N, C-alpha and C. Protein backbone atom coordinates (compact mmCIF):
# COMPACT_ATOMS: atom_id res chain seq x y z
N UNK A 1 124.51 108.19 91.71
CA UNK A 1 125.17 108.09 93.01
C UNK A 1 124.22 108.60 94.08
N UNK A 2 124.16 107.89 95.22
CA UNK A 2 123.32 108.30 96.33
C UNK A 2 124.11 109.27 97.19
N UNK A 3 123.54 110.45 97.42
CA UNK A 3 124.25 111.45 98.21
C UNK A 3 124.30 111.05 99.67
N UNK A 4 125.45 111.20 100.28
CA UNK A 4 125.63 110.88 101.69
C UNK A 4 125.75 112.16 102.48
N UNK A 5 124.85 112.36 103.43
CA UNK A 5 124.90 113.53 104.28
C UNK A 5 125.60 113.18 105.58
N UNK A 6 126.13 114.20 106.24
CA UNK A 6 126.77 114.00 107.52
C UNK A 6 125.76 113.42 108.50
N UNK A 7 126.10 112.31 109.18
CA UNK A 7 125.15 111.69 110.09
C UNK A 7 124.70 112.65 111.18
N UNK A 8 123.44 112.50 111.57
CA UNK A 8 122.90 113.29 112.66
C UNK A 8 123.09 112.51 113.95
N UNK A 9 123.83 113.07 114.90
CA UNK A 9 124.06 112.42 116.18
C UNK A 9 123.34 113.21 117.26
N UNK A 10 122.24 112.68 117.75
CA UNK A 10 121.47 113.40 118.76
C UNK A 10 120.59 112.40 119.49
N UNK A 11 120.20 112.73 120.72
CA UNK A 11 119.37 111.81 121.48
C UNK A 11 117.91 111.82 121.04
N UNK A 12 117.53 112.75 120.16
CA UNK A 12 116.13 112.83 119.76
C UNK A 12 115.75 111.68 118.82
N UNK A 13 114.50 111.24 118.89
CA UNK A 13 114.03 110.26 117.90
C UNK A 13 114.08 110.86 116.50
N UNK A 14 114.19 109.99 115.52
CA UNK A 14 114.47 110.41 114.15
C UNK A 14 113.23 110.37 113.27
N UNK A 15 113.09 111.40 112.45
CA UNK A 15 112.15 111.39 111.32
C UNK A 15 113.01 111.30 110.06
N UNK A 16 112.82 110.24 109.29
CA UNK A 16 113.55 110.05 108.03
C UNK A 16 112.76 110.67 106.89
N UNK A 17 113.40 111.58 106.15
CA UNK A 17 112.78 112.22 104.99
C UNK A 17 113.66 111.93 103.78
N UNK A 18 113.09 111.28 102.77
CA UNK A 18 113.87 110.94 101.58
C UNK A 18 113.35 111.71 100.36
N UNK A 19 114.27 111.98 99.44
CA UNK A 19 113.93 112.54 98.14
C UNK A 19 114.69 111.76 97.07
N UNK A 20 114.33 111.96 95.83
CA UNK A 20 114.94 111.25 94.70
C UNK A 20 115.95 112.12 93.97
N UNK A 21 116.87 111.45 93.28
CA UNK A 21 117.75 112.17 92.37
C UNK A 21 116.97 112.55 91.11
N UNK A 22 117.57 113.39 90.27
CA UNK A 22 116.90 113.86 89.06
C UNK A 22 116.67 112.71 88.08
N UNK A 23 115.62 112.81 87.29
CA UNK A 23 115.29 111.76 86.32
C UNK A 23 114.56 112.38 85.14
N UNK A 24 114.39 111.58 84.10
CA UNK A 24 113.58 111.99 82.96
C UNK A 24 114.09 113.20 82.21
N UNK A 25 115.40 113.43 82.26
CA UNK A 25 115.97 114.56 81.55
C UNK A 25 116.12 115.82 82.38
N UNK A 26 115.54 115.85 83.59
CA UNK A 26 115.72 117.01 84.47
C UNK A 26 117.12 116.98 85.09
N UNK A 27 117.59 118.13 85.49
CA UNK A 27 118.89 118.23 86.14
C UNK A 27 118.77 118.39 87.65
N UNK A 28 117.57 118.63 88.14
CA UNK A 28 117.32 118.73 89.57
C UNK A 28 116.04 117.97 89.90
N UNK A 29 115.89 117.64 91.17
CA UNK A 29 114.65 117.04 91.65
C UNK A 29 114.28 117.76 92.94
N UNK A 30 113.17 118.49 92.95
CA UNK A 30 112.81 119.27 94.13
C UNK A 30 112.59 118.42 95.37
N UNK A 31 112.24 117.15 95.20
CA UNK A 31 112.05 116.30 96.38
C UNK A 31 113.36 116.13 97.15
N UNK A 32 114.47 115.98 96.42
CA UNK A 32 115.76 115.86 97.08
C UNK A 32 116.19 117.19 97.69
N UNK A 33 115.99 118.29 96.97
CA UNK A 33 116.36 119.59 97.52
C UNK A 33 115.59 119.89 98.80
N UNK A 34 114.33 119.48 98.85
CA UNK A 34 113.53 119.69 100.05
C UNK A 34 114.02 118.82 101.21
N UNK A 35 114.32 117.55 100.92
CA UNK A 35 114.85 116.66 101.97
C UNK A 35 116.18 117.18 102.50
N UNK A 36 117.00 117.68 101.59
CA UNK A 36 118.29 118.24 101.98
C UNK A 36 118.11 119.47 102.87
N UNK A 37 117.14 120.32 102.53
CA UNK A 37 116.89 121.53 103.32
C UNK A 37 116.37 121.19 104.72
N UNK A 38 115.67 120.07 104.85
CA UNK A 38 115.11 119.68 106.15
C UNK A 38 116.12 118.93 107.02
N UNK A 39 117.17 118.40 106.42
CA UNK A 39 118.14 117.59 107.15
C UNK A 39 118.73 118.38 108.33
N UNK A 40 118.68 117.75 109.51
CA UNK A 40 119.25 118.36 110.70
C UNK A 40 118.30 119.24 111.49
N UNK A 41 117.13 119.55 110.94
CA UNK A 41 116.18 120.38 111.69
C UNK A 41 115.59 119.59 112.86
N UNK A 42 115.18 120.33 113.88
CA UNK A 42 114.46 119.75 115.00
C UNK A 42 113.00 120.19 114.90
N UNK A 43 112.10 119.23 114.94
CA UNK A 43 110.67 119.52 114.85
C UNK A 43 109.95 118.70 115.91
N UNK A 44 109.27 119.36 116.82
CA UNK A 44 108.45 118.70 117.84
C UNK A 44 109.23 117.62 118.59
N UNK A 45 110.46 117.95 118.99
CA UNK A 45 111.25 117.01 119.76
C UNK A 45 111.87 115.89 118.97
N UNK A 46 111.86 115.99 117.65
CA UNK A 46 112.43 114.98 116.76
C UNK A 46 113.48 115.64 115.87
N UNK A 47 114.39 114.83 115.39
CA UNK A 47 115.45 115.32 114.50
C UNK A 47 115.23 114.75 113.11
N UNK A 48 115.32 115.62 112.10
CA UNK A 48 115.12 115.19 110.71
C UNK A 48 116.44 114.68 110.13
N UNK A 49 116.37 113.52 109.52
CA UNK A 49 117.48 112.98 108.74
C UNK A 49 117.04 112.95 107.28
N UNK A 50 117.73 113.70 106.43
CA UNK A 50 117.43 113.70 105.00
C UNK A 50 118.33 112.74 104.27
N UNK A 51 117.78 112.06 103.27
CA UNK A 51 118.56 111.09 102.50
C UNK A 51 118.03 111.04 101.08
N UNK A 52 118.89 110.64 100.16
CA UNK A 52 118.51 110.56 98.75
C UNK A 52 118.35 109.11 98.32
N UNK A 53 117.28 108.85 97.57
CA UNK A 53 117.05 107.55 96.96
C UNK A 53 117.31 107.64 95.46
N UNK A 54 117.81 106.57 94.85
CA UNK A 54 117.98 106.56 93.40
C UNK A 54 116.63 106.35 92.71
N UNK A 55 116.44 107.01 91.59
CA UNK A 55 115.21 106.81 90.81
C UNK A 55 115.38 105.55 89.97
N UNK A 56 115.40 104.43 90.68
CA UNK A 56 115.61 103.12 90.07
C UNK A 56 114.72 102.11 90.79
N UNK A 57 114.01 101.33 90.04
CA UNK A 57 113.13 100.34 90.65
C UNK A 57 113.91 99.38 91.54
N UNK A 58 114.98 98.81 91.04
CA UNK A 58 115.68 97.77 91.79
C UNK A 58 116.38 98.31 93.03
N UNK A 59 117.07 99.44 92.90
CA UNK A 59 117.92 99.90 93.99
C UNK A 59 117.20 100.75 95.02
N UNK A 60 116.11 101.38 94.65
CA UNK A 60 115.49 102.34 95.57
C UNK A 60 115.09 101.69 96.89
N UNK A 61 114.47 100.53 96.83
CA UNK A 61 114.02 99.89 98.07
C UNK A 61 115.18 99.30 98.86
N UNK A 62 116.26 98.92 98.19
CA UNK A 62 117.44 98.45 98.92
C UNK A 62 118.07 99.58 99.71
N UNK A 63 118.17 100.76 99.09
CA UNK A 63 118.71 101.91 99.79
C UNK A 63 117.79 102.32 100.94
N UNK A 64 116.48 102.31 100.70
CA UNK A 64 115.53 102.67 101.76
C UNK A 64 115.64 101.69 102.92
N UNK A 65 115.76 100.40 102.64
CA UNK A 65 115.87 99.41 103.71
C UNK A 65 117.11 99.65 104.55
N UNK A 66 118.21 100.01 103.90
CA UNK A 66 119.44 100.29 104.64
C UNK A 66 119.27 101.52 105.53
N UNK A 67 118.58 102.55 105.03
CA UNK A 67 118.34 103.74 105.82
C UNK A 67 117.46 103.45 107.03
N UNK A 68 116.46 102.60 106.85
CA UNK A 68 115.59 102.24 107.97
C UNK A 68 116.37 101.50 109.04
N UNK A 69 117.23 100.59 108.64
CA UNK A 69 118.04 99.84 109.61
C UNK A 69 119.00 100.77 110.35
N UNK A 70 119.61 101.70 109.62
CA UNK A 70 120.60 102.56 110.21
C UNK A 70 120.01 103.57 111.18
N UNK A 71 118.90 104.19 110.82
CA UNK A 71 118.39 105.31 111.60
C UNK A 71 117.24 104.95 112.53
N UNK A 72 116.59 103.81 112.33
CA UNK A 72 115.49 103.37 113.20
C UNK A 72 114.50 104.52 113.45
N UNK A 73 113.94 105.09 112.40
CA UNK A 73 113.06 106.26 112.58
C UNK A 73 111.73 105.89 113.21
N UNK A 74 111.09 106.90 113.79
CA UNK A 74 109.73 106.72 114.30
C UNK A 74 108.71 107.19 113.27
N UNK A 75 109.17 107.97 112.29
CA UNK A 75 108.30 108.48 111.23
C UNK A 75 109.12 108.53 109.95
N UNK A 76 108.52 108.11 108.84
CA UNK A 76 109.20 108.11 107.54
C UNK A 76 108.33 108.86 106.55
N UNK A 77 108.94 109.84 105.89
CA UNK A 77 108.25 110.64 104.89
C UNK A 77 109.07 110.58 103.61
N UNK A 78 108.59 109.84 102.62
CA UNK A 78 109.26 109.77 101.33
C UNK A 78 108.65 110.80 100.40
N UNK A 79 109.52 111.54 99.72
CA UNK A 79 109.09 112.61 98.82
C UNK A 79 109.40 112.26 97.38
N UNK A 80 108.59 112.77 96.47
CA UNK A 80 108.85 112.60 95.05
C UNK A 80 108.37 113.81 94.27
N UNK A 81 108.84 113.93 93.04
CA UNK A 81 108.45 115.03 92.14
C UNK A 81 107.26 114.62 91.31
N UNK A 82 106.29 115.52 91.22
CA UNK A 82 105.11 115.28 90.37
C UNK A 82 104.91 116.49 89.47
N UNK A 83 105.60 116.51 88.33
CA UNK A 83 105.41 117.58 87.37
C UNK A 83 103.98 117.63 86.88
N UNK A 84 103.41 118.83 86.84
CA UNK A 84 102.02 118.98 86.43
C UNK A 84 101.06 119.21 87.58
N UNK A 85 101.50 118.87 88.79
CA UNK A 85 100.66 119.14 89.96
C UNK A 85 101.02 120.51 90.52
N UNK A 86 100.01 121.18 91.07
CA UNK A 86 100.21 122.55 91.53
C UNK A 86 100.31 122.66 93.04
N UNK A 87 100.17 121.53 93.75
CA UNK A 87 100.11 121.57 95.21
C UNK A 87 100.95 120.45 95.81
N UNK A 88 101.26 120.60 97.09
CA UNK A 88 101.85 119.49 97.84
C UNK A 88 100.79 118.40 97.93
N UNK A 89 101.11 117.23 97.41
CA UNK A 89 100.13 116.15 97.29
C UNK A 89 100.40 115.07 98.33
N UNK A 90 99.50 114.95 99.28
CA UNK A 90 99.60 113.97 100.35
C UNK A 90 98.98 112.67 99.87
N UNK A 91 99.81 111.67 99.62
CA UNK A 91 99.33 110.44 98.99
C UNK A 91 98.63 109.53 100.00
N UNK A 92 97.48 108.99 99.57
CA UNK A 92 96.68 108.14 100.44
C UNK A 92 96.92 106.65 100.22
N UNK A 93 97.11 106.23 98.94
CA UNK A 93 97.12 104.80 98.61
C UNK A 93 98.33 104.43 97.76
N UNK A 94 99.00 103.34 98.15
CA UNK A 94 100.08 102.76 97.35
C UNK A 94 99.58 101.45 96.77
N UNK A 95 99.81 101.23 95.47
CA UNK A 95 99.30 100.02 94.82
C UNK A 95 100.45 99.10 94.40
N UNK A 96 100.15 97.82 94.35
CA UNK A 96 101.18 96.81 94.10
C UNK A 96 101.38 96.56 92.61
N UNK A 97 101.80 97.61 91.91
CA UNK A 97 102.06 97.45 90.47
C UNK A 97 103.12 98.45 90.02
N UNK A 98 104.01 97.97 89.16
CA UNK A 98 104.95 98.82 88.44
C UNK A 98 104.50 98.87 86.98
N UNK A 99 104.35 100.08 86.45
CA UNK A 99 103.96 100.24 85.05
C UNK A 99 104.61 101.52 84.55
N UNK A 100 105.84 101.40 84.10
CA UNK A 100 106.68 102.57 83.82
C UNK A 100 106.46 103.09 82.41
N UNK A 101 106.01 104.33 82.30
CA UNK A 101 105.83 104.97 81.00
C UNK A 101 107.16 105.38 80.40
N UNK A 102 108.15 105.66 81.27
CA UNK A 102 109.50 106.00 80.83
C UNK A 102 110.49 105.13 81.59
N UNK A 103 111.70 104.96 81.09
CA UNK A 103 112.70 104.18 81.83
C UNK A 103 113.15 104.91 83.10
N UNK A 104 113.55 104.14 84.09
CA UNK A 104 114.15 104.74 85.27
C UNK A 104 115.61 105.09 84.98
N UNK A 105 116.34 105.53 85.96
CA UNK A 105 117.72 105.97 85.73
C UNK A 105 118.69 104.82 85.46
N UNK A 106 118.24 103.59 85.63
CA UNK A 106 119.04 102.43 85.26
C UNK A 106 118.54 101.82 83.95
N UNK A 107 117.63 102.55 83.28
CA UNK A 107 117.03 102.15 82.00
C UNK A 107 116.10 100.95 82.13
N UNK A 108 115.65 100.67 83.34
CA UNK A 108 114.63 99.64 83.54
C UNK A 108 113.26 100.25 83.29
N UNK A 109 112.38 99.47 82.68
CA UNK A 109 111.03 99.95 82.37
C UNK A 109 110.03 98.81 82.56
N UNK A 110 109.80 98.40 83.82
CA UNK A 110 108.87 97.29 84.05
C UNK A 110 107.44 97.67 83.70
N UNK A 111 106.72 96.71 83.18
CA UNK A 111 105.31 96.92 82.80
C UNK A 111 104.47 95.83 83.45
N UNK A 112 103.50 96.25 84.25
CA UNK A 112 102.53 95.35 84.88
C UNK A 112 103.20 94.27 85.72
N UNK A 113 104.20 94.65 86.48
CA UNK A 113 104.83 93.73 87.42
C UNK A 113 104.49 94.16 88.84
N UNK A 114 104.50 93.25 89.81
CA UNK A 114 104.21 93.64 91.19
C UNK A 114 105.42 94.28 91.85
N UNK A 115 105.16 95.19 92.76
CA UNK A 115 106.24 95.72 93.60
C UNK A 115 106.74 94.61 94.52
N UNK A 116 105.80 93.91 95.14
CA UNK A 116 106.11 92.78 96.02
C UNK A 116 105.26 91.60 95.56
N UNK A 117 105.85 90.59 94.93
CA UNK A 117 105.07 89.44 94.49
C UNK A 117 104.31 88.82 95.66
N UNK A 118 103.03 88.62 95.47
CA UNK A 118 102.20 88.02 96.52
C UNK A 118 101.75 88.99 97.59
N UNK A 119 102.15 90.26 97.48
CA UNK A 119 101.75 91.25 98.47
C UNK A 119 100.31 91.69 98.28
N UNK A 120 99.74 92.39 99.25
CA UNK A 120 98.38 92.91 99.10
C UNK A 120 98.27 93.83 97.89
N UNK A 121 97.05 93.99 97.39
CA UNK A 121 96.83 94.85 96.23
C UNK A 121 97.21 96.29 96.52
N UNK A 122 97.04 96.72 97.76
CA UNK A 122 97.31 98.12 98.10
C UNK A 122 97.53 98.28 99.60
N UNK A 123 98.16 99.37 99.95
CA UNK A 123 98.29 99.80 101.34
C UNK A 123 97.83 101.25 101.45
N UNK A 124 97.19 101.56 102.58
CA UNK A 124 96.90 102.95 102.89
C UNK A 124 98.05 103.54 103.68
N UNK A 125 98.27 104.84 103.51
CA UNK A 125 99.29 105.54 104.27
C UNK A 125 99.02 105.41 105.77
N UNK A 126 100.08 105.55 106.55
CA UNK A 126 99.94 105.64 108.00
C UNK A 126 100.03 107.08 108.48
N UNK A 127 100.09 108.01 107.56
CA UNK A 127 100.14 109.42 107.94
C UNK A 127 98.73 110.00 108.08
N UNK A 128 98.55 110.95 108.97
CA UNK A 128 97.24 111.62 109.12
C UNK A 128 97.06 112.67 108.02
N UNK A 129 96.80 112.21 106.81
CA UNK A 129 96.85 113.11 105.66
C UNK A 129 95.78 114.20 105.71
N UNK A 130 94.63 113.92 106.30
CA UNK A 130 93.60 114.95 106.38
C UNK A 130 94.03 116.08 107.33
N UNK A 131 94.59 115.71 108.47
CA UNK A 131 95.08 116.72 109.40
C UNK A 131 96.24 117.51 108.81
N UNK A 132 97.12 116.83 108.09
CA UNK A 132 98.24 117.51 107.44
C UNK A 132 97.74 118.46 106.36
N UNK A 133 96.75 118.01 105.60
CA UNK A 133 96.14 118.83 104.56
C UNK A 133 95.56 120.12 105.16
N UNK A 134 94.84 119.96 106.24
CA UNK A 134 94.23 121.12 106.90
C UNK A 134 95.30 122.08 107.41
N UNK A 135 96.36 121.54 107.99
CA UNK A 135 97.42 122.38 108.55
C UNK A 135 98.12 123.19 107.46
N UNK A 136 98.38 122.57 106.32
CA UNK A 136 99.05 123.28 105.23
C UNK A 136 98.16 124.38 104.66
N UNK A 137 96.90 124.07 104.43
CA UNK A 137 95.99 125.09 103.90
C UNK A 137 95.84 126.26 104.86
N UNK A 138 95.81 125.96 106.14
CA UNK A 138 95.66 127.01 107.14
C UNK A 138 96.82 127.99 107.10
N UNK A 139 98.01 127.50 106.73
CA UNK A 139 99.20 128.35 106.65
C UNK A 139 99.49 128.85 105.24
N UNK A 140 98.54 128.66 104.33
CA UNK A 140 98.66 129.22 103.00
C UNK A 140 99.52 128.43 102.03
N UNK A 141 99.78 127.17 102.34
CA UNK A 141 100.56 126.31 101.44
C UNK A 141 99.58 125.48 100.60
N UNK A 142 99.58 125.62 99.28
CA UNK A 142 98.68 124.80 98.45
C UNK A 142 98.89 123.31 98.72
N UNK A 143 97.81 122.60 99.00
CA UNK A 143 97.91 121.18 99.36
C UNK A 143 96.67 120.44 98.90
N UNK A 144 96.83 119.14 98.71
CA UNK A 144 95.72 118.28 98.33
C UNK A 144 95.97 116.88 98.85
N UNK A 145 94.89 116.15 99.09
CA UNK A 145 94.99 114.72 99.36
C UNK A 145 94.85 114.01 98.03
N UNK A 146 95.87 113.25 97.65
CA UNK A 146 95.90 112.57 96.36
C UNK A 146 95.57 111.09 96.55
N UNK A 147 94.82 110.55 95.59
CA UNK A 147 94.41 109.15 95.68
C UNK A 147 95.35 108.21 94.90
N UNK A 148 96.34 108.76 94.21
CA UNK A 148 97.25 107.91 93.45
C UNK A 148 98.64 108.52 93.40
N UNK A 149 99.64 107.68 93.64
CA UNK A 149 101.04 108.09 93.53
C UNK A 149 101.63 107.65 92.20
N UNK A 150 100.77 107.32 91.23
CA UNK A 150 101.24 106.87 89.93
C UNK A 150 101.66 105.41 89.95
N UNK A 151 102.46 105.02 88.94
CA UNK A 151 102.94 103.64 88.85
C UNK A 151 104.42 103.58 88.52
N UNK A 152 105.11 104.70 88.79
CA UNK A 152 106.55 104.76 88.53
C UNK A 152 107.31 104.50 89.84
N UNK A 153 108.52 104.99 89.97
CA UNK A 153 109.36 104.66 91.13
C UNK A 153 108.79 105.26 92.42
N UNK A 154 108.07 106.36 92.34
CA UNK A 154 107.46 106.94 93.54
C UNK A 154 106.50 105.95 94.19
N UNK A 155 105.58 105.43 93.42
CA UNK A 155 104.65 104.44 93.98
C UNK A 155 105.38 103.18 94.41
N UNK A 156 106.40 102.78 93.66
CA UNK A 156 107.21 101.61 94.01
C UNK A 156 107.79 101.78 95.42
N UNK A 157 108.36 102.94 95.71
CA UNK A 157 108.93 103.20 97.03
C UNK A 157 107.84 103.30 98.08
N UNK A 158 106.74 103.97 97.76
CA UNK A 158 105.62 104.12 98.69
C UNK A 158 105.10 102.74 99.09
N UNK A 159 104.85 101.88 98.11
CA UNK A 159 104.33 100.55 98.43
C UNK A 159 105.38 99.75 99.21
N UNK A 160 106.63 99.80 98.76
CA UNK A 160 107.67 99.05 99.45
C UNK A 160 107.84 99.49 100.89
N UNK A 161 107.76 100.81 101.13
CA UNK A 161 107.83 101.31 102.50
C UNK A 161 106.69 100.77 103.34
N UNK A 162 105.47 100.88 102.83
CA UNK A 162 104.31 100.45 103.61
C UNK A 162 104.34 98.94 103.86
N UNK A 163 104.83 98.17 102.88
CA UNK A 163 104.94 96.72 103.08
C UNK A 163 105.96 96.41 104.18
N UNK A 164 107.07 97.13 104.17
CA UNK A 164 108.07 96.93 105.22
C UNK A 164 107.51 97.26 106.59
N UNK A 165 106.82 98.39 106.70
CA UNK A 165 106.27 98.79 107.99
C UNK A 165 105.20 97.81 108.48
N UNK A 166 104.51 97.16 107.55
CA UNK A 166 103.44 96.23 107.93
C UNK A 166 103.95 94.84 108.27
N UNK A 167 105.12 94.47 107.75
CA UNK A 167 105.53 93.06 107.85
C UNK A 167 106.83 92.82 108.61
N UNK A 168 107.65 93.84 108.81
CA UNK A 168 108.96 93.63 109.43
C UNK A 168 108.91 93.90 110.93
N UNK A 169 109.43 92.93 111.67
CA UNK A 169 109.52 93.09 113.11
C UNK A 169 110.35 94.33 113.45
N UNK A 170 109.91 95.10 114.39
CA UNK A 170 110.61 96.31 114.78
C UNK A 170 110.14 97.56 114.07
N UNK A 171 109.34 97.41 112.99
CA UNK A 171 108.88 98.57 112.24
C UNK A 171 107.35 98.71 112.25
N UNK A 172 106.66 97.81 112.92
CA UNK A 172 105.20 97.80 112.80
C UNK A 172 104.52 98.97 113.49
N UNK A 173 105.24 99.65 114.38
CA UNK A 173 104.67 100.84 115.02
C UNK A 173 105.16 102.13 114.36
N UNK A 174 106.01 102.01 113.37
CA UNK A 174 106.53 103.19 112.68
C UNK A 174 105.46 103.72 111.72
N UNK A 175 105.30 105.02 111.69
CA UNK A 175 104.34 105.64 110.78
C UNK A 175 105.09 106.13 109.55
N UNK A 176 104.45 106.02 108.41
CA UNK A 176 105.12 106.45 107.19
C UNK A 176 104.15 106.69 106.05
N UNK A 177 104.65 107.34 105.02
CA UNK A 177 103.84 107.61 103.85
C UNK A 177 104.63 108.38 102.81
N UNK A 178 103.92 108.93 101.84
CA UNK A 178 104.55 109.55 100.68
C UNK A 178 103.89 110.89 100.37
N UNK A 179 104.71 111.85 99.96
CA UNK A 179 104.23 113.16 99.53
C UNK A 179 104.89 113.53 98.20
N UNK A 180 104.08 113.97 97.24
CA UNK A 180 104.61 114.52 95.99
C UNK A 180 104.68 116.04 96.08
N UNK A 181 105.73 116.59 95.50
CA UNK A 181 105.87 118.05 95.42
C UNK A 181 105.89 118.48 93.95
N UNK A 182 105.47 119.72 93.66
CA UNK A 182 105.45 120.20 92.27
C UNK A 182 106.85 120.48 91.74
N UNK A 183 106.90 120.85 90.46
CA UNK A 183 108.13 121.35 89.88
C UNK A 183 108.57 122.63 90.58
N UNK A 184 109.85 122.91 90.47
CA UNK A 184 110.38 124.23 90.81
C UNK A 184 110.08 125.20 89.66
N UNK A 185 110.11 126.51 89.91
CA UNK A 185 109.79 127.48 88.85
C UNK A 185 110.62 127.31 87.58
N UNK A 186 111.88 126.93 87.70
CA UNK A 186 112.73 126.77 86.52
C UNK A 186 112.41 125.52 85.71
N UNK A 187 111.60 124.62 86.28
CA UNK A 187 111.30 123.36 85.58
C UNK A 187 110.06 123.44 84.70
N UNK A 188 109.16 124.35 85.01
CA UNK A 188 107.92 124.45 84.22
C UNK A 188 106.77 124.89 85.09
N UNK A 189 105.58 124.82 84.52
CA UNK A 189 104.35 125.22 85.19
C UNK A 189 103.38 124.05 85.22
N UNK A 190 102.55 123.95 86.28
CA UNK A 190 102.55 124.73 87.51
C UNK A 190 103.78 124.41 88.36
N UNK A 191 104.06 125.26 89.35
CA UNK A 191 105.29 125.11 90.10
C UNK A 191 105.11 125.65 91.52
N UNK A 192 106.14 125.48 92.32
CA UNK A 192 106.15 126.00 93.69
C UNK A 192 107.58 126.34 94.05
N UNK A 193 107.78 127.44 94.74
CA UNK A 193 109.11 127.82 95.19
C UNK A 193 109.60 126.83 96.24
N UNK A 194 110.90 126.56 96.24
CA UNK A 194 111.46 125.59 97.17
C UNK A 194 111.19 125.99 98.61
N UNK A 195 111.30 127.27 98.94
CA UNK A 195 111.06 127.71 100.31
C UNK A 195 109.64 127.37 100.76
N UNK A 196 108.67 127.49 99.85
CA UNK A 196 107.29 127.16 100.20
C UNK A 196 107.12 125.65 100.39
N UNK A 197 107.79 124.87 99.54
CA UNK A 197 107.75 123.41 99.73
C UNK A 197 108.28 123.01 101.10
N UNK A 198 109.46 123.54 101.42
CA UNK A 198 110.12 123.18 102.68
C UNK A 198 109.26 123.60 103.87
N UNK A 199 108.68 124.80 103.78
CA UNK A 199 107.80 125.26 104.86
C UNK A 199 106.60 124.33 105.01
N UNK A 200 106.01 123.95 103.88
CA UNK A 200 104.87 123.05 103.94
C UNK A 200 105.23 121.67 104.47
N UNK A 201 106.38 121.16 104.08
CA UNK A 201 106.78 119.83 104.54
C UNK A 201 107.12 119.84 106.02
N UNK A 202 107.73 120.92 106.49
CA UNK A 202 107.99 121.03 107.93
C UNK A 202 106.68 121.05 108.71
N UNK A 203 105.68 121.77 108.19
CA UNK A 203 104.37 121.77 108.82
C UNK A 203 103.74 120.37 108.80
N UNK A 204 103.92 119.67 107.69
CA UNK A 204 103.36 118.33 107.57
C UNK A 204 103.99 117.38 108.57
N UNK A 205 105.30 117.47 108.74
CA UNK A 205 105.98 116.63 109.73
C UNK A 205 105.47 116.93 111.13
N UNK A 206 105.38 118.22 111.45
CA UNK A 206 104.90 118.60 112.78
C UNK A 206 103.49 118.06 113.04
N UNK A 207 102.63 118.20 112.05
CA UNK A 207 101.24 117.73 112.23
C UNK A 207 101.19 116.22 112.36
N UNK A 208 102.01 115.51 111.58
CA UNK A 208 102.04 114.05 111.67
C UNK A 208 102.50 113.60 113.05
N UNK A 209 103.48 114.28 113.61
CA UNK A 209 104.01 113.89 114.91
C UNK A 209 103.02 114.14 116.04
N UNK A 210 102.19 115.15 115.89
CA UNK A 210 101.29 115.49 116.99
C UNK A 210 99.85 114.98 116.80
N UNK A 211 99.61 114.24 115.72
CA UNK A 211 98.26 113.76 115.42
C UNK A 211 98.24 112.24 115.36
N UNK A 212 97.89 111.56 116.46
CA UNK A 212 97.89 110.10 116.46
C UNK A 212 96.75 109.49 115.65
N UNK A 213 95.63 110.21 115.58
CA UNK A 213 94.45 109.72 114.84
C UNK A 213 94.02 110.82 113.89
N UNK A 214 93.86 110.48 112.62
CA UNK A 214 93.53 111.49 111.62
C UNK A 214 92.14 112.07 111.85
N UNK A 215 91.96 113.29 111.38
CA UNK A 215 90.65 113.93 111.46
C UNK A 215 89.75 113.41 110.34
N UNK A 216 88.46 113.53 110.53
CA UNK A 216 87.49 113.10 109.51
C UNK A 216 86.88 114.34 108.87
N UNK A 217 87.40 114.68 107.69
CA UNK A 217 86.84 115.79 106.94
C UNK A 217 87.06 115.54 105.45
N UNK A 218 86.23 116.12 104.65
CA UNK A 218 86.27 115.85 103.22
C UNK A 218 87.51 116.37 102.55
N UNK A 219 88.18 115.50 101.78
CA UNK A 219 89.31 115.90 100.94
C UNK A 219 89.45 114.92 99.79
N UNK A 220 88.32 114.35 99.38
CA UNK A 220 88.33 113.33 98.34
C UNK A 220 88.30 113.91 96.94
N UNK A 221 88.12 113.03 95.96
CA UNK A 221 88.12 113.43 94.56
C UNK A 221 86.87 112.91 93.88
N UNK A 222 86.40 113.66 92.89
CA UNK A 222 85.22 113.24 92.11
C UNK A 222 85.60 112.30 90.98
N UNK A 223 86.87 112.35 90.54
CA UNK A 223 87.28 111.49 89.43
C UNK A 223 88.77 111.24 89.51
């Protein structure tokens, strides 16, 4: 079930922040808890709307499309859980492939299928990930620029979002991207406390809103 939050009614432009429901045997998903914690906040003259996406290949993009139509955001930040990562991971590239190692919550397990048939091989984020990375590190929040969002539902949503922003009339000036967050302490190691995640994500939103052009500094990977 997709959680419905009380609508935000305000004259401020909207930042849409989404998280996923629990999957893979977990009972919680920190991405949703973080989106829920940010819902209703005001950041840099914008209002945050938090929403939950289903961890399902077929339905996730339908729900996201409905949220985009309803809220008409100026910035979209989709969040996902990345167990095994120790930092807030600012994703750079979405690829046009589904390759599920485990079934999604609807028991679908696509292998080597496109997210969008005939779509480009990949999209780059529209978020200033280098500036966001610098801002988080400056405030003591572990962060990294990640070159892959995997090939599960997180990447599916990331690619679908970027394809929508690139091709749909009315959304071509909207900025968007994807961030992975670590496990919570109760889920395993490495982990991050929810308060630290939320603080880091609020900083990331603020930096994205005030940075029209990303900074040029090293944050790449050797492998």
